[in-house]
Amino acid sequence: MLHFIHFKKNIKEIELPRKFTFPFYYEPHELTKIASKELQNYLLSKENELNHSFGLNTSNHEIGKMFGVLVVQNQLKEIGYLAAFSGNMENQSNFKHFVPPIYDILAKNSFFHKEQKELLALSDEINKIDQSKEYQKLKLKVALNNQIAQQIIQTEKSKLQERKQHRKKRKKEEQPLSESLKYKLQQESLHDKFYLKELICYYEDKFSTEQEKLNALNSQIQSLKVLRNEKSNALHQKIFNHYHFLNSYKKEKSLNSIFKEFKLDAPAGTGDCAAPKLLQYAFLNNLKPIALAEFWWGKSGNSKIRKHQHFYPSCNGKCKPILSHMLEGLIIDENPLEKELAKNKEIEILFEDQSMLVINKPTGLLSVNGKTIKDSVYSRLSKKHPQSAKFLIVHRLDMSTSGIMLIAKTKQAHQFLQAQFINKTIQKKYIALLDGEIGQIKGEINLPLRVDLEDRPRQLVCFEHGKSAKTLWKVLSIKNGKTLVEFTPITGRTHQLRVHAAHQLGLNTPIVGDDLYGKKAERLHLHAGYIEFIHPVSKNKLQYKVNCPF
């Protein structure tokens, strides 16, 4: 079989997994680690047919790519593996070493090329108008005209305002007000209002020619953009209609029908990720899936955090709906995220009175109930004190993060404490163990964040749409190739410290045990160890510190 790859290493002594990999959170099986290493050796070899640097040891703008391996058993009971990459490579989809795409939109006679040319032609037409001398000259002229008109109108408004104040003063000074003066002042007021309207109309009329020409070109650009958007959406739907996915029962579903069941719109590029390609080839060729793993190879982009050779789960946005269908019939590992990891761990009460609590949350415990896990700080406190007023969570810590949390017992206390977070008057400090050594002693990180819409709950660095995020940090110690740091978050964005630590524009060193942005370990080594705030009733400044548990 063309794409069935035999292991170079002797794997006879390695026990096969009893269940197939849960693709959205997993520890790679030994066989997938070996397969991944062999694939990585291939990518480094002269036999590599991809002709791509992936941004490694080069100064060009190339970045890395996600690769996947699927350990399979063929009909002769031989164990081997399949290899795939996400997306395409240099406008190609088919390579000897890798399984083919679900549907090859880049094939020579594909409708994609013709319709893509039409979209590019529309973009060229838009750019031609936008970059034309006429359009640029009109924009400049209209902007200048508007500036002149606004300056003159504003000057006249100021004069009219002075006249208005003068009339008010006369009304006060000349009491009782005679009918003739009253009439005169009214006429002056009407005259001024009429004069201002006439002035505005005059300048609108004076500069109308250039404005109308500019409006016509803007309208033309907008019409072309609408047409391009309509054609682009239609092309995506046409592409998606050609994507059909099998499962172990050989039951086929189209991409559009799968996403319709989830009441979602499929993002661009859906269906071209490594995992669906691998499973599709296995089911088409009667190969039994044994284990799956995906890894990043090469340089990371500027938004998502990707580390060279690190393993990553399948994405939620594009792959989760598809794989929910493709994995039917396979016995899958349990989702580790649905286990109650803090079942035998207690919440430590640091302070409690009639208005609030200060607690030390253990790692593995949610702040509030999740969709499947009901064990949380909120549920435990509510269960322990069923007669108390409803507990109000002032702020949250990630499930994996341990440390200090504030809990309000009254609405008034909740509002008072939350206001301190909003106004950034609360001081918080975290201790984190980074998975590597960093050169500097202290610094400041400013990287705006937003959610990754295609892979929630992961966050992206986004300078266009992200919310500002600021972190101060300093090194506490370096030992055994790991760095202990103190983080002081100035803002409180989701996963802020985790992203600022791992991102290449931040410290470029993930927190130990960060299963989203680094490597999984027994726990996330992030601890909220210090807090300083004003008590909602006494108004006294309170400080609490909890020693780091790692």
Protein backbone atom coordinates (compact mmCIF):
# COMPACT_ATOMS: atom_id res chain seq x y z
CA MET A 1 0.00 0.00 0.00
CA LEU A 2 1.49 3.29 -1.15
CA HIS A 3 1.14 5.33 2.06
CA PHE A 4 1.47 2.54 4.64
CA ILE A 5 4.88 3.10 6.30
CA HIS A 6 6.63 0.24 8.10
CA PHE A 7 8.44 1.14 11.32
CA LYS A 8 12.21 1.22 10.96
CA LYS A 9 12.58 0.54 14.67
CA ASN A 10 11.72 -2.86 16.14
CA ILE A 11 8.37 -2.39 17.91
CA LYS A 12 7.48 -6.01 18.66
CA GLU A 13 7.90 -5.59 22.41
CA ILE A 14 5.67 -2.48 22.59
CA GLU A 15 2.15 -3.20 23.77
CA LEU A 16 -0.65 -1.78 21.63
CA PRO A 17 -3.06 0.63 23.32
CA ARG A 18 -6.40 -0.87 24.32
CA LYS A 19 -8.34 2.20 23.21
CA PHE A 20 -7.88 4.74 20.43
CA THR A 21 -6.52 8.18 21.28
CA PHE A 22 -8.91 10.84 22.54
CA PRO A 23 -7.65 13.45 20.02
CA PHE A 24 -8.46 16.63 21.95
CA TYR A 25 -6.37 15.86 25.04
CA TYR A 26 -3.85 13.04 25.11
CA GLU A 27 -0.45 11.79 26.16
CA PRO A 28 1.22 10.39 22.99
CA HIS A 29 1.52 6.60 22.97
CA GLU A 30 5.05 5.19 22.61
CA LEU A 31 4.27 4.01 19.07
CA THR A 32 3.19 7.50 17.98
CA LYS A 33 6.33 8.96 19.54
CA ILE A 34 8.46 6.56 17.48
CA ALA A 35 6.43 7.25 14.32
CA SER A 36 6.73 10.99 14.89
CA LYS A 37 10.49 10.73 15.37
CA GLU A 38 10.85 8.73 12.17
CA LEU A 39 8.74 11.30 10.30
CA GLN A 40 10.86 14.12 11.71
CA ASN A 41 14.01 12.32 10.55
CA TYR A 42 12.44 12.13 7.10
CA LEU A 43 11.75 15.88 7.15
CA LEU A 44 15.44 16.46 7.92
CA SER A 45 16.67 14.00 5.28
CA LYS A 46 17.64 14.52 1.64
CA GLU A 47 14.74 12.24 0.68
CA ASN A 48 12.31 14.94 1.85
CA GLU A 49 10.14 15.84 -1.14
CA LEU A 50 8.47 18.91 0.40
CA ASN A 51 11.17 21.48 -0.47
CA HIS A 52 10.19 23.67 2.45
CA SER A 53 12.34 25.09 5.27
CA PHE A 54 9.47 25.60 7.77
CA GLY A 55 11.34 28.67 9.02
CA LEU A 56 14.15 26.59 10.56
CA ASN A 57 17.58 28.24 10.34
CA THR A 58 16.42 30.65 7.64
CA SER A 59 15.74 34.35 7.44
CA ASN A 60 12.73 34.08 5.12
CA HIS A 61 9.08 34.40 6.14
CA GLU A 62 8.25 30.69 6.07
CA ILE A 63 6.62 29.25 9.18
CA GLY A 64 6.07 25.75 10.44
CA LYS A 65 3.24 23.29 9.90
CA MET A 66 1.25 20.73 11.86
CA PHE A 67 2.03 17.11 11.02
CA GLY A 68 0.24 13.99 12.14
CA VAL A 69 0.90 10.27 12.42
CA LEU A 70 -1.70 7.52 12.68
CA VAL A 71 -0.52 4.11 13.84
CA VAL A 72 -2.56 1.48 11.99
CA GLN A 73 -2.86 -2.25 11.51
CA ASN A 74 -3.28 -3.61 7.98
CA GLN A 75 -5.17 -6.74 6.90
CA LEU A 76 -2.00 -8.81 7.26
CA LYS A 77 -1.95 -7.79 10.97
CA GLU A 78 1.19 -5.70 10.36
CA ILE A 79 1.64 -2.54 12.44
CA GLY A 80 2.74 0.58 10.59
CA TYR A 81 1.78 4.21 10.37
CA LEU A 82 0.44 6.88 8.06
CA ALA A 83 1.72 10.46 7.82
CA ALA A 84 -0.06 13.69 6.95
CA PHE A 85 0.26 17.46 7.22
CA SER A 86 -2.41 20.11 7.68
CA GLY A 87 -3.35 22.29 4.71
CA ASN A 88 -1.22 22.23 1.57
CA MET A 89 2.44 22.75 0.78
CA GLU A 90 3.65 25.17 -1.91
CA ASN A 91 0.18 24.99 -3.56
CA GLN A 92 0.37 21.20 -3.69
CA SER A 93 -1.62 18.59 -1.79
CA ASN A 94 -0.31 15.25 -3.04
CA PHE A 95 3.06 13.82 -2.01
CA LYS A 96 4.29 10.22 -2.02
CA HIS A 97 5.16 10.08 1.69
CA PHE A 98 1.86 11.56 2.89
CA VAL A 99 -1.77 10.51 2.61
CA PRO A 100 -3.81 12.47 0.04
CA PRO A 101 -6.29 15.20 0.96
CA ILE A 102 -9.99 14.45 1.47
CA TYR A 103 -10.64 16.46 -1.68
CA ASP A 104 -7.89 18.00 -3.78
CA ILE A 105 -9.05 21.51 -4.60
CA LEU A 106 -5.60 22.20 -6.07
CA ALA A 107 -5.94 19.47 -8.74
CA LYS A 108 -5.20 20.68 -12.27
CA ASN A 109 -8.80 20.62 -13.53
CA SER A 110 -10.43 21.71 -10.26
CA PHE A 111 -13.12 24.42 -10.41
CA PHE A 112 -11.19 26.13 -7.62
CA HIS A 113 -8.56 27.60 -9.94
CA LYS A 114 -11.08 29.28 -12.24
CA GLU A 115 -13.14 30.77 -9.41
CA GLN A 116 -10.03 31.77 -7.48
CA LYS A 117 -8.90 33.73 -10.54
CA GLU A 118 -12.26 35.53 -10.55
CA LEU A 119 -11.78 36.49 -6.89
CA LEU A 120 -8.23 37.68 -7.55
CA ALA A 121 -9.51 39.72 -10.52
CA LEU A 122 -12.05 41.43 -8.25
CA SER A 123 -9.31 42.15 -5.70
CA ASP A 124 -7.14 43.61 -8.45
CA GLU A 125 -10.02 45.81 -9.59
CA ILE A 126 -10.57 47.05 -6.03
CA ASN A 127 -6.87 47.77 -5.60
CA LYS A 128 -6.72 49.48 -8.98
CA ILE A 129 -9.39 51.98 -7.92
CA ASP A 130 -8.05 52.35 -4.39
CA GLN A 131 -4.49 53.04 -5.59
CA SER A 132 -5.44 55.24 -8.56
CA LYS A 133 -4.17 58.84 -8.64
CA GLU A 134 -7.72 60.11 -9.14
CA TYR A 135 -9.03 58.35 -6.03
CA GLN A 136 -6.08 59.34 -3.84
CA LYS A 137 -6.31 62.95 -5.08
CA LEU A 138 -10.06 63.07 -4.40
CA LYS A 139 -9.63 61.66 -0.87
CA LEU A 140 -7.00 64.27 -0.11
CA LYS A 141 -9.06 67.10 -1.64
CA VAL A 142 -12.26 66.14 0.19
CA ALA A 143 -10.38 65.78 3.48
CA LEU A 144 -8.85 69.22 3.00
CA ASN A 145 -12.21 70.73 2.03
CA ASN A 146 -13.85 69.25 5.10
CA GLN A 147 -11.05 70.58 7.30
CA ILE A 148 -11.41 74.11 5.88
CA ALA A 149 -15.21 74.04 6.19
CA GLN A 150 -15.08 72.70 9.77
CA GLN A 151 -12.58 75.37 10.83
CA ILE A 152 -14.71 78.20 9.39
CA ILE A 153 -17.96 76.78 10.74
CA GLN A 154 -16.42 76.23 14.17
CA THR A 155 -15.14 79.83 14.22
CA GLU A 156 -18.59 81.13 13.32
CA LYS A 157 -20.20 78.88 15.94
CA SER A 158 -17.94 80.43 18.56
CA LYS A 159 -18.98 83.92 17.46
CA LEU A 160 -22.64 82.96 17.54
CA GLN A 161 -22.18 81.48 21.00
CA GLU A 162 -20.71 84.79 22.17
CA ARG A 163 -23.72 86.62 20.69
CA LYS A 164 -26.03 84.22 22.49
CA GLN A 165 -24.31 84.87 25.82
CA HIS A 166 -24.53 88.61 25.15
CA ARG A 167 -28.29 88.31 24.59
CA LYS A 168 -28.69 86.39 27.85
CA LYS A 169 -26.75 89.09 29.66
CA ARG A 170 -28.97 91.84 28.21
CA LYS A 171 -32.09 89.96 29.27
CA LYS A 172 -30.83 89.88 32.84
CA GLU A 173 -29.64 93.48 32.90
CA GLU A 174 -32.66 95.12 31.27
CA GLN A 175 -35.50 93.93 33.46
CA PRO A 176 -38.35 94.33 32.98
CA LEU A 177 -37.78 93.42 29.33
CA SER A 178 -39.62 95.66 26.84
CA GLU A 179 -41.57 94.07 24.02
CA SER A 180 -39.43 95.76 21.41
CA LEU A 181 -36.16 94.51 22.92
CA LYS A 182 -37.64 91.06 23.40
CA TYR A 183 -38.63 91.01 19.73
CA LYS A 184 -35.22 92.27 18.66
CA LEU A 185 -33.37 89.59 20.64
CA GLN A 186 -35.64 86.87 19.24
CA GLN A 187 -34.96 88.04 15.71
CA GLU A 188 -31.22 88.03 16.34
CA SER A 189 -31.45 84.47 17.62
CA LEU A 190 -33.44 83.33 14.58
CA HIS A 191 -31.05 85.17 12.28
CA ASP A 192 -28.04 83.44 13.84
CA LYS A 193 -29.62 79.98 13.51
CA PHE A 194 -30.55 80.66 9.91
CA TYR A 195 -27.07 82.01 9.18
CA LEU A 196 -25.41 78.87 10.57
CA LYS A 197 -27.65 76.60 8.47
CA GLU A 198 -26.95 78.67 5.39
CA LEU A 199 -23.22 78.56 6.07
CA ILE A 200 -23.23 74.76 6.36
CA CYS A 201 -25.29 74.44 3.17
CA TYR A 202 -22.96 76.85 1.38
CA TYR A 203 -19.87 74.73 2.06
CA GLU A 204 -21.67 71.48 1.34
CA ASP A 205 -22.68 72.90 -2.03
CA LYS A 206 -19.27 74.47 -2.68
CA PHE A 207 -17.42 71.18 -2.18
CA SER A 208 -20.19 68.88 -3.47
CA THR A 209 -18.55 68.09 -6.83
CA GLU A 210 -15.46 66.45 -5.34
CA GLN A 211 -17.56 64.75 -2.62
CA GLU A 212 -19.96 63.25 -5.18
CA LYS A 213 -17.07 61.92 -7.28
CA LEU A 214 -15.49 60.37 -4.20
CA ASN A 215 -18.84 58.88 -3.10
CA ALA A 216 -19.23 57.29 -6.54
CA LEU A 217 -15.79 55.64 -6.34
CA ASN A 218 -16.42 54.53 -2.73
CA SER A 219 -19.72 53.03 -3.83
CA GLN A 220 -17.96 51.23 -6.67
CA ILE A 221 -15.34 49.81 -4.29
CA GLN A 222 -18.02 48.72 -1.81
CA SER A 223 -20.05 47.01 -4.55
CA LEU A 224 -16.98 45.11 -5.70
CA LYS A 225 -16.21 44.07 -2.11
CA VAL A 226 -19.78 42.80 -1.62
CA LEU A 227 -19.56 40.85 -4.89
CA ARG A 228 -16.17 39.41 -3.89
CA ASN A 229 -17.53 38.40 -0.47
CA GLU A 230 -20.57 36.72 -2.06
CA LYS A 231 -18.41 34.83 -4.55
CA SER A 232 -15.95 33.85 -1.81
CA ASN A 233 -18.74 32.47 0.40
CA ALA A 234 -20.24 30.62 -2.55
CA LEU A 235 -16.84 29.14 -3.38
CA HIS A 236 -16.37 27.96 0.20
CA GLN A 237 -19.76 26.26 0.15
CA LYS A 238 -18.96 24.66 -3.20
CA ILE A 239 -15.66 23.38 -1.83
CA PHE A 240 -17.29 22.07 1.35
CA ASN A 241 -19.87 20.16 -0.72
CA HIS A 242 -17.00 18.08 -2.13
CA TYR A 243 -15.72 17.05 1.31
CA HIS A 244 -17.19 13.77 2.55
CA PHE A 245 -15.91 11.92 5.60
CA LEU A 246 -16.06 8.23 6.49
CA ASN A 247 -16.14 6.52 9.87
CA SER A 248 -15.30 2.95 10.89
CA TYR A 249 -18.79 1.84 9.75
CA LYS A 250 -18.00 3.27 6.28
CA LYS A 251 -20.84 5.71 6.84
CA GLU A 252 -20.27 8.91 4.87
CA LYS A 253 -21.24 12.47 5.81
CA SER A 254 -20.62 15.73 4.00
CA LEU A 255 -18.80 18.55 5.72
CA ASN A 256 -21.82 20.83 5.45
CA SER A 257 -24.16 18.26 7.01
CA ILE A 258 -21.73 17.65 9.89
CA PHE A 259 -21.48 21.33 10.78
CA LYS A 260 -25.22 21.79 10.30
CA GLU A 261 -25.80 19.19 13.04
CA PHE A 262 -23.60 21.28 15.35
CA LYS A 263 -25.38 24.48 14.26
CA LEU A 264 -22.03 25.94 13.22
CA ASP A 265 -20.49 27.46 10.11
CA ALA A 266 -17.38 25.67 8.93
CA PRO A 267 -14.29 27.93 8.95
CA ALA A 268 -12.13 28.24 5.85
CA GLY A 269 -9.69 25.33 5.55
CA THR A 270 -11.94 22.89 7.40
CA GLY A 271 -11.31 19.29 6.39
CA ASP A 272 -7.66 19.82 5.48
CA CYS A 273 -6.19 19.15 8.94
CA ALA A 274 -3.94 16.14 9.46
CA ALA A 275 -6.23 14.03 11.68
CA PRO A 276 -9.24 13.81 9.28
CA LYS A 277 -6.90 13.06 6.35
CA LEU A 278 -5.29 10.18 8.26
CA LEU A 279 -8.55 8.60 9.41
CA GLN A 280 -10.13 8.98 5.96
CA TYR A 281 -7.26 7.11 4.31
CA ALA A 282 -7.37 4.39 6.97
CA PHE A 283 -11.11 3.79 6.54
CA LEU A 284 -10.89 3.87 2.73
CA ASN A 285 -8.15 1.24 2.77
CA ASN A 286 -9.44 -1.03 5.55
CA LEU A 287 -6.70 -0.10 7.99
CA LYS A 288 -7.48 -0.33 11.70
CA PRO A 289 -6.63 2.93 13.58
CA ILE A 290 -4.49 2.23 16.67
CA ALA A 291 -3.21 5.60 17.94
CA LEU A 292 -2.96 9.22 16.77
CA ALA A 293 -0.59 12.10 17.48
CA GLU A 294 0.05 15.52 15.92
CA PHE A 295 3.14 17.67 16.28
CA TRP A 296 4.33 21.10 15.13
CA TRP A 297 7.40 21.27 12.94
CA GLY A 298 9.21 24.55 12.41
CA LYS A 299 8.94 28.19 13.35
CA SER A 300 5.83 29.51 15.08
CA GLY A 301 3.67 32.25 13.59
CA ASN A 302 3.15 35.57 15.39
CA SER A 303 -0.31 34.85 16.79
CA LYS A 304 -0.67 31.21 17.84
CA ILE A 305 1.82 29.57 20.18
CA ARG A 306 3.47 26.61 18.50
CA LYS A 307 6.71 25.04 19.68
CA HIS A 308 8.96 23.03 17.38
CA GLN A 309 8.45 19.24 17.83
CA HIS A 310 5.80 19.68 20.55
CA PHE A 311 2.70 17.49 20.38
CA TYR A 312 -0.68 19.19 20.10
CA PRO A 313 -4.30 18.04 20.26
CA SER A 314 -6.70 18.35 17.34
CA CYS A 315 -8.34 21.76 17.09
CA ASN A 316 -11.87 22.28 18.41
CA GLY A 317 -13.13 24.67 15.75
CA LYS A 318 -12.36 22.77 12.55
CA CYS A 319 -11.80 19.19 13.68
CA LYS A 320 -14.11 18.50 16.63
CA PRO A 321 -17.36 18.28 14.62
CA ILE A 322 -15.67 16.19 11.89
CA LEU A 323 -13.93 13.80 14.27
CA SER A 324 -17.11 13.32 16.31
CA HIS A 325 -18.44 11.58 13.19
CA MET A 326 -15.22 9.88 12.05
CA LEU A 327 -14.52 8.32 15.46
CA GLU A 328 -17.91 6.57 15.67
CA GLY A 329 -17.39 2.86 16.12
CA LEU A 330 -13.95 3.20 17.71
CA ILE A 331 -13.39 2.60 21.43
CA ILE A 332 -11.90 5.90 22.57
CA ASP A 333 -9.88 6.85 25.64
CA GLU A 334 -11.82 8.85 28.22
CA ASN A 335 -11.54 12.63 28.13
CA PRO A 336 -9.11 13.43 30.99
CA LEU A 337 -10.62 16.91 31.28
CA GLU A 338 -13.92 15.37 32.41
CA LYS A 339 -12.32 13.69 35.41
CA GLU A 340 -12.60 15.31 38.83
CA LEU A 341 -8.88 15.89 39.39
CA ALA A 342 -9.29 17.62 42.75
CA LYS A 343 -11.64 15.10 44.34
CA ASN A 344 -9.39 14.47 47.36
CA LYS A 345 -8.03 18.02 47.62
CA GLU A 346 -9.42 20.47 50.16
CA ILE A 347 -10.07 24.20 49.89
CA GLU A 348 -8.13 26.09 52.55
CA ILE A 349 -10.03 29.00 54.17
CA LEU A 350 -7.56 31.83 54.84
CA PHE A 351 -10.14 34.36 56.08
CA GLU A 352 -13.90 34.51 56.53
CA ASP A 353 -16.42 36.99 57.92
CA GLN A 354 -20.01 38.01 57.19
CA SER A 355 -19.15 39.69 53.87
CA MET A 356 -16.46 37.58 52.20
CA LEU A 357 -13.92 34.74 52.17
CA VAL A 358 -10.29 34.46 51.14
CA ILE A 359 -9.45 30.90 50.05
CA ASN A 360 -6.52 28.88 48.73
CA LYS A 361 -7.76 26.86 45.75
CA PRO A 362 -6.01 23.55 44.98
CA THR A 363 -4.85 22.76 41.45
CA GLY A 364 -7.33 20.73 39.37
CA LEU A 365 -10.43 22.39 40.86
CA LEU A 366 -12.70 24.60 38.76
CA SER A 367 -13.69 28.03 40.06
CA VAL A 368 -17.29 27.51 38.91
CA ASN A 369 -19.16 24.47 37.58
CA GLY A 370 -18.27 23.33 34.06
CA LYS A 371 -20.47 21.67 31.43
CA THR A 372 -19.60 18.18 32.62
CA ILE A 373 -17.64 18.66 35.85
CA LYS A 374 -19.78 19.93 38.71
CA ASP A 375 -17.05 19.91 41.36
CA SER A 376 -15.90 23.50 41.82
CA VAL A 377 -15.09 26.16 44.41
CA TYR A 378 -18.64 27.46 44.06
CA SER A 379 -20.35 24.06 44.41
CA ARG A 380 -18.22 23.04 47.40
CA LEU A 381 -18.83 26.27 49.29
CA SER A 382 -22.56 26.13 48.52
CA LYS A 383 -22.74 22.51 49.69
CA LYS A 384 -20.76 23.20 52.85
CA HIS A 385 -22.85 26.25 53.79
CA PRO A 386 -26.36 25.53 52.39
CA GLN A 387 -28.02 28.06 54.70
CA SER A 388 -25.71 30.93 53.77
CA ALA A 389 -26.47 33.61 51.26
CA LYS A 390 -25.47 32.80 47.67
CA PHE A 391 -21.71 32.87 47.19
CA LEU A 392 -20.46 35.26 44.50
CA ILE A 393 -17.19 34.53 42.71
CA VAL A 394 -15.26 37.80 42.46
CA HIS A 395 -12.58 36.50 40.07
CA ARG A 396 -11.53 33.14 38.70
CA LEU A 397 -8.42 31.04 38.49
CA ASP A 398 -7.87 28.46 35.75
CA MET A 399 -8.68 24.91 36.77
CA SER A 400 -4.97 24.06 36.68
CA THR A 401 -3.85 27.13 38.66
CA SER A 402 -3.66 26.97 42.44
CA GLY A 403 -3.76 29.84 44.90
CA ILE A 404 -5.69 32.71 46.41
CA MET A 405 -9.26 33.59 45.40
CA LEU A 406 -11.72 36.13 46.81
CA ILE A 407 -15.34 35.07 47.35
CA ALA A 408 -18.12 37.53 48.22
CA LYS A 409 -21.12 36.68 50.40
CA THR A 410 -23.20 39.75 49.58
CA LYS A 411 -23.92 41.76 46.44
CA GLN A 412 -22.46 44.86 48.06
CA ALA A 413 -19.20 43.07 48.87
CA HIS A 414 -19.09 41.58 45.39
CA GLN A 415 -19.50 44.99 43.73
CA PHE A 416 -16.90 46.60 45.99
CA LEU A 417 -14.30 43.88 45.38
CA GLN A 418 -14.97 43.70 41.64
CA ALA A 419 -14.54 47.46 41.35
CA GLN A 420 -11.01 47.05 42.69
CA PHE A 421 -10.23 44.56 39.93
CA ILE A 422 -11.77 46.82 37.27
CA ASN A 423 -9.84 49.85 38.57
CA LYS A 424 -6.65 47.76 38.89
CA THR A 425 -6.18 48.70 42.55
CA ILE A 426 -5.91 45.08 43.70
CA GLN A 427 -2.36 43.74 43.73
CA LYS A 428 -1.82 40.11 42.76
CA LYS A 429 1.38 38.16 42.38
CA TYR A 430 1.89 34.71 40.93
CA ILE A 431 4.77 32.25 41.12
CA ALA A 432 5.51 30.21 38.00
CA LEU A 433 8.15 27.65 37.08
CA LEU A 434 9.22 28.08 33.45
CA ASP A 435 10.36 25.14 31.34
CA GLY A 436 13.78 26.58 30.48
CA GLU A 437 16.25 29.32 31.33
CA ILE A 438 15.75 32.99 30.39
CA GLY A 439 18.49 35.54 29.97
CA GLN A 440 17.01 38.67 31.52
CA ILE A 441 16.35 39.33 35.22
CA LYS A 442 13.11 41.31 34.99
CA GLY A 443 10.89 43.05 32.48
CA GLU A 444 7.46 43.95 31.18
CA ILE A 445 5.33 42.15 28.59
CA ASN A 446 2.67 43.96 26.54
CA LEU A 447 0.95 41.53 24.17
CA PRO A 448 -2.77 42.02 23.38
CA LEU A 449 -4.89 38.86 23.55
CA ARG A 450 -8.07 37.48 22.08
CA VAL A 451 -9.66 34.04 21.97
CA ASP A 452 -8.71 31.68 19.14
CA LEU A 453 -12.13 31.39 17.48
CA GLU A 454 -11.11 28.15 15.77
CA ASP A 455 -9.68 26.51 18.89
CA ARG A 456 -11.31 27.70 22.11
CA PRO A 457 -10.28 28.17 24.91
CA ARG A 458 -6.80 28.90 23.55
CA GLN A 459 -5.82 32.55 23.25
CA LEU A 460 -4.01 34.37 20.45
CA VAL A 461 -1.73 37.37 20.41
CA CYS A 462 -3.56 39.83 18.14
CA PHE A 463 -2.43 43.42 17.70
CA GLU A 464 -5.50 44.25 15.58
CA HIS A 465 -8.43 42.90 17.61
CA GLY A 466 -6.87 41.80 20.91
CA LYS A 467 -7.50 43.39 24.31
CA SER A 468 -4.51 45.02 25.98
CA ALA A 469 -2.64 42.71 28.36
CA LYS A 470 0.29 43.77 30.54
CA THR A 471 2.48 41.66 32.83
CA LEU A 472 5.46 42.58 34.99
CA TRP A 473 7.92 39.79 35.81
CA LYS A 474 11.16 39.10 37.62
CA VAL A 475 13.37 36.04 38.02
CA LEU A 476 13.52 34.50 41.49
CA SER A 477 15.92 31.64 40.78
CA ILE A 478 17.30 29.36 38.06
CA LYS A 479 17.89 25.71 38.84
CA ASN A 480 18.19 22.46 36.85
CA GLY A 481 17.40 24.23 33.59
CA LYS A 482 14.16 25.71 34.97
CA THR A 483 13.40 29.34 35.91
CA LEU A 484 11.26 30.37 38.88
CA VAL A 485 9.62 33.74 38.19
CA GLU A 486 7.24 36.13 39.91
CA PHE A 487 4.45 37.51 37.70
CA THR A 488 2.52 40.68 38.51
CA PRO A 489 -0.43 40.96 36.13
CA ILE A 490 -1.56 44.54 35.55
CA THR A 491 -4.53 43.34 33.50
CA GLY A 492 -6.50 40.13 34.01
CA ARG A 493 -7.04 38.53 30.59
CA THR A 494 -7.83 34.85 30.13
CA HIS A 495 -4.61 32.77 30.11
CA GLN A 496 -2.60 36.01 30.21
CA LEU A 497 0.36 34.69 32.19
CA ARG A 498 0.45 31.40 30.31
CA VAL A 499 0.51 33.10 26.91
CA HIS A 500 2.94 35.86 27.96
CA ALA A 501 5.31 33.17 29.23
CA ALA A 502 5.09 30.88 26.19
CA HIS A 503 4.80 33.30 23.27
CA GLN A 504 7.93 34.02 21.25
CA LEU A 505 7.37 37.78 21.72
CA GLY A 506 7.03 37.25 25.48
CA LEU A 507 9.42 35.08 27.49
CA ASN A 508 9.32 32.34 24.83
CA THR A 509 9.42 29.78 27.65
CA PRO A 510 6.19 27.96 28.60
CA ILE A 511 5.19 27.31 32.19
CA VAL A 512 6.00 23.75 33.28
CA GLY A 513 2.92 21.57 32.89
CA ASP A 514 1.05 23.98 30.60
CA ASP A 515 -0.98 21.54 28.51
CA LEU A 516 -2.27 24.31 26.22
CA TYR A 517 0.87 26.29 25.41
CA GLY A 518 3.68 23.99 26.49
CA LYS A 519 4.05 20.37 27.61
CA LYS A 520 1.78 18.41 29.91
CA ALA A 521 3.11 17.47 33.38
CA GLU A 522 1.63 16.33 36.70
CA ARG A 523 0.27 19.87 37.19
CA LEU A 524 0.49 23.41 35.87
CA HIS A 525 3.27 25.12 37.83
CA LEU A 526 1.42 28.40 38.30
CA HIS A 527 0.34 29.61 41.74
CA ALA A 528 -1.52 32.76 42.82
CA GLY A 529 0.53 33.32 45.96
CA TYR A 530 -0.17 36.92 47.03
CA ILE A 531 -3.06 39.37 47.07
CA GLU A 532 -3.62 42.84 48.54
CA PHE A 533 -7.06 44.50 48.61
CA ILE A 534 -9.40 46.77 50.58
CA HIS A 535 -11.98 44.98 52.72
CA PRO A 536 -15.54 45.81 51.52
CA VAL A 537 -16.88 46.67 55.00
CA SER A 538 -14.01 47.71 57.28
CA LYS A 539 -12.15 49.44 54.38
CA ASN A 540 -8.90 48.15 55.90
CA LYS A 541 -6.10 47.10 53.57
CA LEU A 542 -5.63 43.31 53.79
CA GLN A 543 -2.73 41.20 52.54
CA TYR A 544 -2.57 37.41 52.18
CA LYS A 545 0.28 35.19 51.09
CA VAL A 546 0.33 31.43 50.49
CA ASN A 547 3.57 29.54 50.02
CA CYS A 548 4.20 28.05 46.60
CA PRO A 549 3.44 24.29 46.58
CA PHE A 550 6.08 23.43 43.99
